[in-house]
Amino acid sequence: MKTSFNSAIITILLAITTIFSANAEDKEVKKVTGFDSGIYASKDGKIKINIDKYNNASTAILLQDSKGKIIYSETAGRNAKKLRREIDVNELKSGDYILEISSKGEKQTKVLQLTEKTTERAVTVN
């Protein structure tokens, strides 16, 4: 009885070990990126860019219009780990713009659509 009980325990432990090692291998396959970014539009007509870097490479921020004309360009140094930028887009014409963030061969691209504010008309009767 002791032998079968020990065999059952060993079998269960082997099964659990196999399951945990399979999950660990799945996690190792995921690619670690060199940076994360967050892009937000504010009510006052500005684009806020937050970048957290995990590599020791320079990082480029590029904003261009749909025709390829560069509106904003910046390269941050290798040692900058957190970048917080604000780009005023109030003076830009309506249309599509491309925001590109790149570092060490990795690239994130977002398309921004600028539209005119529509005003509502109020009528008051006295």
Protein backbone atom coordinates (compact mmCIF):
# COMPACT_ATOMS: atom_id res chain seq x y z
CA MET A 1 0.00 0.00 0.00
CA LYS A 2 2.85 2.38 0.85
CA THR A 3 4.46 1.68 -2.52
CA SER A 4 1.31 2.47 -4.51
CA PHE A 5 0.70 5.60 -2.42
CA ASN A 6 4.26 6.81 -3.08
CA SER A 7 3.87 6.02 -6.79
CA ALA A 8 0.66 8.05 -6.92
CA ILE A 9 2.35 11.03 -5.19
CA ILE A 10 5.33 10.88 -7.58
CA THR A 11 2.98 10.72 -10.60
CA ILE A 12 1.03 13.76 -9.38
CA LEU A 13 4.24 15.72 -8.71
CA LEU A 14 5.56 14.91 -12.18
CA ALA A 15 2.29 16.06 -13.76
CA ILE A 16 2.35 19.34 -11.82
CA THR A 17 6.02 19.93 -12.70
CA THR A 18 5.26 19.35 -16.39
CA ILE A 19 2.33 21.79 -16.32
CA PHE A 20 4.37 24.55 -14.61
CA SER A 21 7.35 24.12 -16.93
CA ALA A 22 5.06 24.29 -20.00
CA ASN A 23 3.61 27.58 -18.74
CA ALA A 24 7.09 28.95 -18.07
CA GLU A 25 8.15 28.15 -21.64
CA ASP A 26 5.11 30.05 -23.00
CA LYS A 27 6.12 33.15 -21.04
CA GLU A 28 9.70 33.01 -22.30
CA VAL A 29 8.54 33.04 -25.94
CA LYS A 30 6.96 36.49 -25.60
CA LYS A 31 9.13 39.23 -27.07
CA VAL A 32 10.29 41.94 -24.72
CA THR A 33 9.90 45.33 -26.38
CA GLY A 34 12.40 48.14 -26.08
CA PHE A 35 9.75 50.71 -25.18
CA ASP A 36 6.08 51.30 -24.40
CA SER A 37 4.17 54.38 -25.41
CA GLY A 38 0.91 56.11 -24.63
CA ILE A 39 -0.57 58.82 -26.85
CA TYR A 40 -3.41 61.03 -25.67
CA ALA A 41 -5.32 63.97 -27.10
CA SER A 42 -6.21 66.75 -24.68
CA LYS A 43 -9.18 69.11 -24.88
CA ASP A 44 -6.87 72.09 -25.38
CA GLY A 45 -5.63 70.80 -28.75
CA LYS A 46 -2.41 69.11 -27.71
CA ILE A 47 -1.10 65.60 -28.25
CA LYS A 48 0.56 64.13 -25.15
CA ILE A 49 3.16 61.42 -25.70
CA ASN A 50 4.48 59.22 -22.90
CA ILE A 51 7.35 56.83 -23.62
CA ASP A 52 8.95 54.40 -21.17
CA LYS A 53 12.20 52.95 -22.52
CA TYR A 54 13.67 49.58 -21.60
CA ASN A 55 16.71 49.67 -23.89
CA ASN A 56 19.87 51.78 -24.13
CA ALA A 57 19.20 53.13 -27.61
CA SER A 58 18.13 56.56 -28.80
CA THR A 59 14.43 57.06 -29.50
CA ALA A 60 12.95 59.14 -32.31
CA ILE A 61 9.55 60.86 -32.37
CA LEU A 62 8.29 61.97 -35.78
CA LEU A 63 5.00 63.67 -36.71
CA GLN A 64 4.26 64.18 -40.39
CA ASP A 65 1.27 65.05 -42.52
CA SER A 66 -0.30 62.74 -45.10
CA LYS A 67 2.05 64.09 -47.80
CA GLY A 68 5.18 63.28 -45.77
CA LYS A 69 5.98 66.82 -44.63
CA ILE A 70 7.64 66.70 -41.20
CA ILE A 71 5.73 68.70 -38.60
CA TYR A 72 7.69 67.66 -35.50
CA SER A 73 10.88 65.68 -35.05
CA GLU A 74 12.91 64.84 -31.96
CA THR A 75 15.56 62.31 -31.03
CA ALA A 76 16.01 61.51 -27.36
CA GLY A 77 19.33 60.23 -26.09
CA ARG A 78 20.22 56.73 -25.02
CA ASN A 79 20.09 57.50 -21.31
CA ALA A 80 16.56 58.96 -21.26
CA LYS A 81 14.33 56.29 -19.71
CA LYS A 82 11.07 58.25 -19.52
CA LEU A 83 10.01 60.75 -22.15
CA ARG A 84 7.01 63.04 -21.73
CA ARG A 85 6.25 65.32 -24.67
CA GLU A 86 3.41 67.63 -25.61
CA ILE A 87 2.83 68.73 -29.21
CA ASP A 88 0.47 71.63 -29.91
CA VAL A 89 -1.64 70.80 -32.97
CA ASN A 90 -4.03 73.79 -32.77
CA GLU A 91 -2.46 75.51 -35.77
CA LEU A 92 -2.43 72.43 -38.03
CA LYS A 93 -4.95 72.03 -40.83
CA SER A 94 -7.61 69.34 -40.69
CA GLY A 95 -6.52 66.00 -42.05
CA ASP A 96 -4.58 62.85 -41.28
CA TYR A 97 -1.19 62.92 -39.59
CA ILE A 98 1.20 60.08 -38.82
CA LEU A 99 2.98 59.84 -35.48
CA GLU A 100 5.91 57.44 -35.43
CA ILE A 101 8.00 56.40 -32.44
CA SER A 102 11.05 54.25 -33.12
CA SER A 103 13.97 52.84 -31.17
CA LYS A 104 16.54 50.19 -32.06
CA GLY A 105 14.63 48.73 -35.01
CA GLU A 106 11.24 48.75 -33.27
CA LYS A 107 8.53 51.10 -34.49
CA GLN A 108 5.06 52.13 -33.33
CA THR A 109 2.88 54.13 -35.70
CA LYS A 110 -0.40 55.93 -35.00
CA VAL A 111 -2.63 57.83 -37.39
CA LEU A 112 -4.08 61.06 -35.98
CA GLN A 113 -7.16 62.64 -37.53
CA LEU A 114 -7.58 66.35 -36.95
CA THR A 115 -11.01 67.83 -37.59
CA GLU A 116 -12.46 71.28 -37.15
CA LYS A 117 -14.49 72.00 -34.07
CA THR A 118 -18.14 72.44 -34.82
CA THR A 119 -19.90 75.09 -32.81
CA GLU A 120 -23.49 74.86 -31.85
CA ARG A 121 -25.75 77.81 -32.15
CA ALA A 122 -27.93 78.76 -29.22
CA VAL A 123 -31.15 80.71 -29.59
CA THR A 124 -32.74 82.44 -26.63
CA VAL A 125 -36.21 83.98 -26.72
CA ASN A 126 -36.95 86.70 -24.16
